[in-house]
Amino acid sequence: MDDLVKNYIAEKKLNVASWAELRECRKTGSKSLHTTVEFMPGQVICKFGAKKSLDRPNYLTVQIDDCQHIMLDPEFLQYLNHSCAPNVFFAPSDRVVRAITKIKIGEEMTFFYPSTEWSMDREFDCICQSKDCLGTIRGAAYLALDILTKYKLAEHIQQRLAKGP
């Protein structure tokens, strides 16, 4: 069986923007967002807004300040999965998603959840398989400062860290 046929069998793909496709693993049902164009470090990938604003996190929200968590608009951004070696960053102050690294066509876009989340609704065991994988992910509040300083962090997380323990 050639690679194209294997890929078709393994994943279902749906174009969700001119620059992205949503992929769903037929075996597990897990979804991920992949590029259909190349992005360079610092490049704005897209703007985002709030479909709904909440005062508490849930597993689909992104924290944009100390007390505000939003359901994302466009909604497909909720499929940006976590990685301890992320290639994108949510910048809540600018309401944009930016490339951190060069992102090749077809590459999965991922972000570091504690970069925006102080304390998450649900912890989970990371499966990113990066050499610096942190294991259990619960939010920035549960990570040492020397680990967090390796990542690009949203302003509200930086401000909270500056206040100290």
N, C-alpha and C. Protein backbone atom coordinates (compact mmCIF):
# COMPACT_ATOMS: atom_id res chain seq x y z
N MET A 1 0.84 -1.17 0.00
CA MET A 1 0.00 0.00 0.00
C MET A 1 0.89 1.24 0.00
N ASP A 2 0.64 2.22 -0.89
CA ASP A 2 1.49 3.40 -0.92
C ASP A 2 1.13 4.35 0.23
N ASP A 3 2.02 5.32 0.50
CA ASP A 3 1.86 6.24 1.64
C ASP A 3 0.58 7.06 1.56
N LEU A 4 0.18 7.47 0.37
CA LEU A 4 -1.03 8.27 0.21
C LEU A 4 -2.26 7.49 0.66
N VAL A 5 -2.34 6.25 0.29
CA VAL A 5 -3.47 5.40 0.69
C VAL A 5 -3.45 5.18 2.20
N LYS A 6 -2.26 4.90 2.77
CA LYS A 6 -2.14 4.72 4.22
C LYS A 6 -2.60 5.97 4.96
N ASN A 7 -2.17 7.13 4.47
CA ASN A 7 -2.54 8.40 5.11
C ASN A 7 -4.06 8.62 5.03
N TYR A 8 -4.66 8.31 3.90
CA TYR A 8 -6.11 8.47 3.75
C TYR A 8 -6.86 7.57 4.72
N ILE A 9 -6.38 6.36 4.88
CA ILE A 9 -7.02 5.41 5.78
C ILE A 9 -6.86 5.86 7.23
N ALA A 10 -5.68 6.37 7.58
CA ALA A 10 -5.38 6.73 8.96
C ALA A 10 -6.07 8.02 9.41
N GLU A 11 -6.26 8.97 8.50
CA GLU A 11 -6.77 10.27 8.90
C GLU A 11 -7.87 10.77 7.97
N LYS A 12 -8.80 11.45 8.57
CA LYS A 12 -9.82 12.17 7.82
C LYS A 12 -9.41 13.64 7.88
N LYS A 13 -9.45 14.35 6.77
CA LYS A 13 -8.98 15.74 6.71
C LYS A 13 -10.11 16.66 6.27
N LEU A 14 -10.12 17.87 6.87
CA LEU A 14 -11.13 18.86 6.54
C LEU A 14 -10.47 20.23 6.51
N ASN A 15 -10.52 20.93 5.37
CA ASN A 15 -10.00 22.29 5.31
C ASN A 15 -10.89 23.20 6.13
N VAL A 16 -10.27 23.94 7.08
CA VAL A 16 -11.03 24.83 7.95
C VAL A 16 -10.68 26.31 7.74
N ALA A 17 -9.60 26.56 7.03
CA ALA A 17 -9.16 27.91 6.69
C ALA A 17 -8.23 27.79 5.49
N SER A 18 -7.90 28.93 4.89
CA SER A 18 -7.00 28.89 3.73
C SER A 18 -5.60 28.41 4.12
N TRP A 19 -5.30 28.40 5.41
CA TRP A 19 -3.97 28.05 5.90
C TRP A 19 -3.96 26.80 6.79
N ALA A 20 -5.13 26.16 6.99
CA ALA A 20 -5.16 25.04 7.94
C ALA A 20 -6.17 23.97 7.56
N GLU A 21 -5.86 22.76 8.02
CA GLU A 21 -6.81 21.66 7.90
C GLU A 21 -6.91 20.95 9.25
N LEU A 22 -8.09 20.48 9.53
CA LEU A 22 -8.35 19.69 10.73
C LEU A 22 -8.20 18.23 10.34
N ARG A 23 -7.41 17.50 11.12
CA ARG A 23 -7.22 16.07 10.86
C ARG A 23 -7.80 15.28 12.03
N GLU A 24 -8.46 14.21 11.69
CA GLU A 24 -9.02 13.32 12.71
C GLU A 24 -8.50 11.92 12.47
N CYS A 25 -7.91 11.35 13.50
CA CYS A 25 -7.43 9.97 13.42
C CYS A 25 -8.63 9.04 13.40
N ARG A 26 -8.74 8.24 12.37
CA ARG A 26 -9.89 7.33 12.26
C ARG A 26 -9.89 6.27 13.37
N LYS A 27 -8.72 5.93 13.86
CA LYS A 27 -8.62 4.90 14.89
C LYS A 27 -9.00 5.42 16.28
N THR A 28 -8.47 6.60 16.66
CA THR A 28 -8.68 7.11 18.02
C THR A 28 -9.73 8.21 18.11
N GLY A 29 -10.02 8.88 16.98
CA GLY A 29 -10.94 10.01 17.01
C GLY A 29 -10.29 11.31 17.44
N SER A 30 -9.00 11.28 17.77
CA SER A 30 -8.31 12.50 18.18
C SER A 30 -8.18 13.45 16.99
N LYS A 31 -8.26 14.75 17.29
CA LYS A 31 -8.20 15.78 16.24
C LYS A 31 -7.00 16.67 16.45
N SER A 32 -6.48 17.20 15.35
CA SER A 32 -5.33 18.09 15.40
C SER A 32 -5.40 19.06 14.23
N LEU A 33 -4.77 20.22 14.41
CA LEU A 33 -4.77 21.27 13.40
C LEU A 33 -3.41 21.30 12.72
N HIS A 34 -3.41 21.26 11.38
CA HIS A 34 -2.18 21.21 10.59
C HIS A 34 -2.17 22.34 9.57
N THR A 35 -0.98 22.79 9.22
CA THR A 35 -0.84 23.87 8.25
C THR A 35 -1.00 23.37 6.82
N THR A 36 -1.48 24.25 5.98
CA THR A 36 -1.50 23.98 4.54
C THR A 36 -0.58 24.97 3.82
N VAL A 37 0.04 25.87 4.61
CA VAL A 37 1.04 26.81 4.11
C VAL A 37 2.18 26.84 5.12
N GLU A 38 3.29 27.42 4.70
CA GLU A 38 4.45 27.53 5.59
C GLU A 38 4.37 28.84 6.38
N PHE A 39 4.82 28.80 7.65
CA PHE A 39 4.89 30.00 8.48
C PHE A 39 6.30 30.17 9.01
N MET A 40 6.72 31.42 9.15
CA MET A 40 8.03 31.74 9.66
C MET A 40 7.91 32.24 11.11
N PRO A 41 8.98 32.12 11.91
CA PRO A 41 8.93 32.57 13.30
C PRO A 41 8.48 34.03 13.40
N GLY A 42 7.56 34.29 14.33
CA GLY A 42 7.03 35.62 14.55
C GLY A 42 5.85 35.99 13.68
N GLN A 43 5.61 35.22 12.64
CA GLN A 43 4.52 35.52 11.71
C GLN A 43 3.16 35.29 12.38
N VAL A 44 2.23 36.23 12.15
CA VAL A 44 0.87 36.05 12.64
C VAL A 44 0.19 35.00 11.78
N ILE A 45 -0.35 33.98 12.44
CA ILE A 45 -1.05 32.91 11.74
C ILE A 45 -2.51 33.30 11.55
N CYS A 46 -3.14 33.78 12.63
CA CYS A 46 -4.52 34.25 12.52
C CYS A 46 -4.89 35.07 13.75
N LYS A 47 -5.98 35.79 13.60
CA LYS A 47 -6.56 36.51 14.73
C LYS A 47 -7.57 35.59 15.40
N PHE A 48 -7.83 35.86 16.68
CA PHE A 48 -8.87 35.09 17.37
C PHE A 48 -9.69 36.03 18.25
N GLY A 49 -10.88 35.59 18.56
CA GLY A 49 -11.76 36.33 19.44
C GLY A 49 -12.44 35.38 20.38
N ALA A 50 -13.46 35.92 21.05
CA ALA A 50 -14.20 35.12 22.03
C ALA A 50 -15.58 34.80 21.51
N LYS A 51 -15.86 33.53 21.40
CA LYS A 51 -17.21 33.09 21.07
C LYS A 51 -18.08 33.22 22.32
N LYS A 52 -17.43 32.99 23.47
CA LYS A 52 -18.10 33.09 24.76
C LYS A 52 -17.01 33.35 25.80
N SER A 53 -17.32 34.13 26.82
CA SER A 53 -16.38 34.44 27.89
C SER A 53 -16.86 33.80 29.19
N LEU A 54 -15.93 33.17 29.92
CA LEU A 54 -16.26 32.49 31.17
C LEU A 54 -15.32 32.98 32.28
N ASP A 55 -15.77 32.87 33.53
CA ASP A 55 -14.90 33.27 34.63
C ASP A 55 -14.11 32.10 35.22
N ARG A 56 -14.34 30.89 34.67
CA ARG A 56 -13.62 29.70 35.10
C ARG A 56 -13.18 28.92 33.86
N PRO A 57 -12.07 28.22 33.97
CA PRO A 57 -11.61 27.44 32.81
C PRO A 57 -12.44 26.18 32.60
N ASN A 58 -12.49 25.74 31.36
CA ASN A 58 -12.91 24.38 31.06
C ASN A 58 -11.91 23.83 30.05
N TYR A 59 -12.07 22.61 29.64
CA TYR A 59 -11.04 21.99 28.79
C TYR A 59 -10.96 22.59 27.39
N LEU A 60 -11.91 23.43 27.00
CA LEU A 60 -11.88 24.05 25.67
C LEU A 60 -11.52 25.53 25.69
N THR A 61 -11.35 26.13 26.87
CA THR A 61 -11.09 27.57 26.93
C THR A 61 -9.60 27.88 26.88
N VAL A 62 -9.32 29.13 26.54
CA VAL A 62 -7.98 29.71 26.64
C VAL A 62 -8.10 30.88 27.59
N GLN A 63 -7.18 30.94 28.56
CA GLN A 63 -7.18 32.03 29.53
C GLN A 63 -6.53 33.25 28.90
N ILE A 64 -7.23 34.41 28.97
CA ILE A 64 -6.70 35.62 28.35
C ILE A 64 -6.33 36.71 29.36
N ASP A 65 -6.74 36.56 30.61
CA ASP A 65 -6.27 37.40 31.71
C ASP A 65 -6.53 36.66 33.01
N ASP A 66 -6.28 37.31 34.15
CA ASP A 66 -6.38 36.60 35.43
C ASP A 66 -7.71 35.90 35.65
N CYS A 67 -8.80 36.51 35.23
CA CYS A 67 -10.13 35.97 35.55
C CYS A 67 -10.99 35.69 34.33
N GLN A 68 -10.42 35.70 33.14
CA GLN A 68 -11.24 35.52 31.94
C GLN A 68 -10.71 34.38 31.08
N HIS A 69 -11.62 33.49 30.75
CA HIS A 69 -11.33 32.33 29.91
C HIS A 69 -12.32 32.38 28.76
N ILE A 70 -11.83 32.15 27.54
CA ILE A 70 -12.73 32.28 26.39
C ILE A 70 -12.84 30.98 25.60
N MET A 71 -14.03 30.81 25.04
CA MET A 71 -14.26 29.80 24.01
C MET A 71 -13.82 30.49 22.72
N LEU A 72 -12.98 29.86 21.96
CA LEU A 72 -12.33 30.50 20.82
C LEU A 72 -13.22 30.69 19.60
N ASP A 73 -12.97 31.78 18.93
CA ASP A 73 -13.57 32.09 17.64
C ASP A 73 -12.42 32.53 16.74
N PRO A 74 -12.06 31.82 15.71
CA PRO A 74 -12.76 30.68 15.14
C PRO A 74 -12.63 29.43 16.02
N GLU A 75 -13.69 28.67 16.04
CA GLU A 75 -13.81 27.51 16.90
C GLU A 75 -12.77 26.43 16.62
N PHE A 76 -12.33 26.29 15.37
CA PHE A 76 -11.37 25.23 15.05
C PHE A 76 -10.04 25.40 15.77
N LEU A 77 -9.76 26.59 16.33
CA LEU A 77 -8.51 26.79 17.07
C LEU A 77 -8.46 25.93 18.34
N GLN A 78 -9.61 25.43 18.79
CA GLN A 78 -9.62 24.56 19.96
C GLN A 78 -8.86 23.25 19.69
N TYR A 79 -8.55 22.97 18.45
CA TYR A 79 -7.82 21.75 18.10
C TYR A 79 -6.32 21.96 18.03
N LEU A 80 -5.84 23.12 18.49
CA LEU A 80 -4.40 23.31 18.66
C LEU A 80 -4.04 22.55 19.93
N ASN A 81 -3.37 21.45 19.78
CA ASN A 81 -3.02 20.59 20.91
C ASN A 81 -1.80 21.10 21.65
N HIS A 82 -1.59 20.57 22.83
CA HIS A 82 -0.45 20.92 23.67
C HIS A 82 0.82 20.21 23.19
N SER A 83 1.94 20.89 23.37
CA SER A 83 3.25 20.27 23.23
C SER A 83 4.22 20.98 24.17
N CYS A 84 5.16 20.24 24.71
CA CYS A 84 6.22 20.84 25.52
C CYS A 84 7.30 21.44 24.61
N ALA A 85 7.17 21.24 23.30
CA ALA A 85 8.03 21.87 22.29
C ALA A 85 7.10 22.52 21.26
N PRO A 86 6.41 23.61 21.66
CA PRO A 86 5.38 24.21 20.81
C PRO A 86 5.94 24.94 19.60
N ASN A 87 5.09 25.10 18.58
CA ASN A 87 5.50 25.90 17.42
C ASN A 87 4.61 27.14 17.23
N VAL A 88 3.57 27.29 18.06
CA VAL A 88 2.74 28.50 18.01
C VAL A 88 2.50 29.03 19.42
N PHE A 89 2.06 30.27 19.48
CA PHE A 89 1.81 30.96 20.74
C PHE A 89 0.54 31.78 20.63
N PHE A 90 -0.35 31.64 21.60
CA PHE A 90 -1.53 32.51 21.70
C PHE A 90 -1.08 33.79 22.40
N ALA A 91 -1.25 34.93 21.74
CA ALA A 91 -0.92 36.23 22.34
C ALA A 91 -2.23 36.92 22.70
N PRO A 92 -2.73 36.71 23.92
CA PRO A 92 -4.02 37.29 24.31
C PRO A 92 -4.10 38.81 24.20
N SER A 93 -3.00 39.50 24.49
CA SER A 93 -3.03 40.97 24.44
C SER A 93 -3.26 41.49 23.02
N ASP A 94 -2.79 40.77 22.02
CA ASP A 94 -2.98 41.16 20.62
C ASP A 94 -4.10 40.39 19.94
N ARG A 95 -4.59 39.35 20.63
CA ARG A 95 -5.61 38.44 20.08
C ARG A 95 -5.17 37.82 18.76
N VAL A 96 -3.92 37.35 18.75
CA VAL A 96 -3.40 36.66 17.57
C VAL A 96 -2.69 35.37 17.98
N VAL A 97 -2.62 34.45 17.03
CA VAL A 97 -1.79 33.26 17.17
C VAL A 97 -0.58 33.50 16.29
N ARG A 98 0.62 33.33 16.87
CA ARG A 98 1.87 33.57 16.16
C ARG A 98 2.70 32.29 16.07
N ALA A 99 3.46 32.19 15.00
CA ALA A 99 4.43 31.10 14.86
C ALA A 99 5.62 31.40 15.77
N ILE A 100 6.08 30.40 16.49
CA ILE A 100 7.29 30.52 17.31
C ILE A 100 8.49 30.04 16.51
N THR A 101 8.27 28.98 15.77
CA THR A 101 9.33 28.38 14.96
C THR A 101 8.85 28.35 13.51
N LYS A 102 9.74 27.96 12.62
CA LYS A 102 9.31 27.73 11.24
C LYS A 102 8.38 26.53 11.24
N ILE A 103 7.25 26.67 10.58
CA ILE A 103 6.26 25.59 10.51
C ILE A 103 6.10 25.20 9.05
N LYS A 104 6.37 23.95 8.77
CA LYS A 104 6.31 23.45 7.39
C LYS A 104 4.89 23.04 7.03
N ILE A 105 4.61 23.02 5.74
CA ILE A 105 3.31 22.57 5.24
C ILE A 105 3.04 21.15 5.75
N GLY A 106 1.85 20.95 6.29
CA GLY A 106 1.44 19.65 6.80
C GLY A 106 1.79 19.41 8.26
N GLU A 107 2.60 20.28 8.85
CA GLU A 107 3.01 20.10 10.24
C GLU A 107 1.87 20.43 11.20
N GLU A 108 1.78 19.66 12.28
CA GLU A 108 0.78 19.96 13.30
C GLU A 108 1.18 21.22 14.05
N MET A 109 0.21 22.09 14.30
CA MET A 109 0.44 23.29 15.10
C MET A 109 0.11 22.95 16.55
N THR A 110 1.03 23.30 17.46
CA THR A 110 0.84 23.01 18.88
C THR A 110 1.24 24.22 19.71
N PHE A 111 0.64 24.32 20.91
CA PHE A 111 1.08 25.37 21.81
C PHE A 111 1.27 24.81 23.21
N PHE A 112 2.00 25.55 24.03
CA PHE A 112 2.31 25.15 25.40
C PHE A 112 1.19 25.67 26.28
N TYR A 113 0.30 24.77 26.73
CA TYR A 113 -0.89 25.19 27.48
C TYR A 113 -0.57 26.09 28.67
N PRO A 114 0.47 25.80 29.48
CA PRO A 114 0.75 26.71 30.60
C PRO A 114 1.19 28.12 30.19
N SER A 115 1.40 28.34 28.90
CA SER A 115 1.75 29.70 28.45
C SER A 115 0.58 30.66 28.61
N THR A 116 -0.64 30.11 28.68
CA THR A 116 -1.83 30.95 28.89
C THR A 116 -2.64 30.51 30.11
N GLU A 117 -2.44 29.28 30.57
CA GLU A 117 -3.28 28.72 31.64
C GLU A 117 -2.55 28.68 32.98
N TRP A 118 -3.08 29.40 33.96
CA TRP A 118 -2.49 29.40 35.30
C TRP A 118 -2.79 28.08 36.01
N SER A 119 -4.05 27.71 36.06
CA SER A 119 -4.47 26.46 36.68
C SER A 119 -5.59 25.87 35.83
N MET A 120 -5.33 24.74 35.25
CA MET A 120 -6.26 24.17 34.28
C MET A 120 -7.41 23.42 34.93
N ASP A 121 -8.49 23.32 34.21
CA ASP A 121 -9.68 22.59 34.63
C ASP A 121 -9.38 21.10 34.80
N ARG A 122 -8.57 20.55 33.89
CA ARG A 122 -8.22 19.13 33.92
C ARG A 122 -6.73 18.97 33.66
N GLU A 123 -6.07 18.24 34.52
CA GLU A 123 -4.68 17.92 34.23
C GLU A 123 -4.66 16.73 33.28
N PHE A 124 -3.54 16.54 32.60
CA PHE A 124 -3.40 15.40 31.70
C PHE A 124 -1.95 15.01 31.58
N ASP A 125 -1.73 13.78 31.19
CA ASP A 125 -0.37 13.29 30.94
C ASP A 125 -0.02 13.62 29.50
N CYS A 126 1.04 14.40 29.34
CA CYS A 126 1.48 14.83 28.01
C CYS A 126 2.01 13.63 27.22
N ILE A 127 1.72 13.64 25.93
CA ILE A 127 2.20 12.58 25.04
C ILE A 127 3.01 13.16 23.88
N CYS A 128 3.56 14.38 24.09
CA CYS A 128 4.24 15.07 22.98
C CYS A 128 5.53 14.39 22.54
N GLN A 129 6.14 13.62 23.40
CA GLN A 129 7.37 12.89 23.11
C GLN A 129 8.57 13.78 22.79
N SER A 130 8.51 15.07 23.17
CA SER A 130 9.69 15.91 22.97
C SER A 130 10.74 15.52 24.00
N LYS A 131 11.98 15.84 23.74
CA LYS A 131 13.06 15.46 24.66
C LYS A 131 12.91 16.14 26.02
N ASP A 132 12.21 17.27 26.07
CA ASP A 132 12.00 18.00 27.32
C ASP A 132 10.56 17.89 27.83
N CYS A 133 9.88 16.80 27.49
CA CYS A 133 8.49 16.64 27.90
C CYS A 133 8.37 16.76 29.42
N LEU A 134 7.37 17.49 29.87
CA LEU A 134 7.19 17.76 31.30
C LEU A 134 6.29 16.75 32.00
N GLY A 135 5.73 15.80 31.27
CA GLY A 135 4.89 14.78 31.91
C GLY A 135 3.47 15.29 32.15
N THR A 136 3.10 15.46 33.39
CA THR A 136 1.75 15.91 33.73
C THR A 136 1.63 17.42 33.55
N ILE A 137 0.58 17.86 32.84
CA ILE A 137 0.35 19.27 32.57
C ILE A 137 -0.87 19.72 33.37
N ARG A 138 -0.67 20.75 34.22
CA ARG A 138 -1.76 21.27 35.06
C ARG A 138 -1.91 22.78 34.98
N GLY A 139 -0.92 23.46 34.40
CA GLY A 139 -0.94 24.91 34.32
C GLY A 139 0.35 25.49 34.86
N ALA A 140 0.55 26.79 34.61
CA ALA A 140 1.79 27.47 35.01
C ALA A 140 2.00 27.46 36.52
N ALA A 141 0.94 27.48 37.29
CA ALA A 141 1.06 27.52 38.76
C ALA A 141 1.81 26.32 39.31
N TYR A 142 1.87 25.23 38.56
CA TYR A 142 2.45 23.99 39.04
C TYR A 142 3.84 23.70 38.47
N LEU A 143 4.40 24.67 37.76
CA LEU A 143 5.71 24.48 37.16
C LEU A 143 6.73 25.41 37.80
N ALA A 144 7.96 24.94 37.91
CA ALA A 144 9.04 25.76 38.47
C ALA A 144 9.36 26.92 37.54
N LEU A 145 9.77 28.02 38.14
CA LEU A 145 10.10 29.22 37.37
C LEU A 145 11.19 28.96 36.33
N ASP A 146 12.19 28.14 36.68
CA ASP A 146 13.27 27.87 35.72
C ASP A 146 12.77 27.11 34.50
N ILE A 147 11.69 26.37 34.63
CA ILE A 147 11.08 25.69 33.48
C ILE A 147 10.27 26.70 32.67
N LEU A 148 9.45 27.49 33.35
CA LEU A 148 8.58 28.45 32.66
C LEU A 148 9.36 29.50 31.87
N THR A 149 10.53 29.90 32.36
CA THR A 149 11.31 30.93 31.67
C THR A 149 11.85 30.45 30.32
N LYS A 150 11.76 29.16 30.05
CA LYS A 150 12.18 28.62 28.75
C LYS A 150 11.12 28.84 27.67
N TYR A 151 9.92 29.27 28.09
CA TYR A 151 8.79 29.40 27.18
C TYR A 151 8.34 30.85 27.02
N LYS A 152 7.72 31.11 25.89
CA LYS A 152 7.05 32.39 25.67
C LYS A 152 5.74 32.30 26.46
N LEU A 153 5.48 33.30 27.32
CA LEU A 153 4.32 33.28 28.20
C LEU A 153 3.44 34.49 27.96
N ALA A 154 2.13 34.30 28.09
CA ALA A 154 1.18 35.41 27.98
C ALA A 154 1.45 36.42 29.10
N GLU A 155 1.11 37.67 28.86
CA GLU A 155 1.36 38.73 29.83
C GLU A 155 0.75 38.44 31.20
N HIS A 156 -0.48 37.90 31.23
CA HIS A 156 -1.11 37.66 32.54
C HIS A 156 -0.37 36.57 33.33
N ILE A 157 0.26 35.63 32.64
CA ILE A 157 1.07 34.62 33.33
C ILE A 157 2.37 35.25 33.82
N GLN A 158 3.00 36.07 33.00
CA GLN A 158 4.23 36.76 33.40
C GLN A 158 3.97 37.64 34.62
N GLN A 159 2.85 38.37 34.62
CA GLN A 159 2.53 39.26 35.75
C GLN A 159 2.29 38.46 37.02
N ARG A 160 1.62 37.35 36.90
CA ARG A 160 1.35 36.50 38.07
C ARG A 160 2.66 35.95 38.64
N LEU A 161 3.57 35.57 37.78
CA LEU A 161 4.86 35.06 38.23
C LEU A 161 5.70 36.16 38.90
N ALA A 162 5.58 37.37 38.39
CA ALA A 162 6.34 38.50 38.95
C ALA A 162 5.89 38.83 40.37
N LYS A 163 4.64 38.52 40.69
CA LYS A 163 4.13 38.77 42.05
C LYS A 163 4.78 37.85 43.07
N GLY A 164 5.30 36.73 42.61
CA GLY A 164 5.93 35.77 43.51
C GLY A 164 4.92 34.87 44.19
N PRO A 165 5.43 33.94 45.01
CA PRO A 165 4.54 32.95 45.65
C PRO A 165 3.58 33.54 46.68
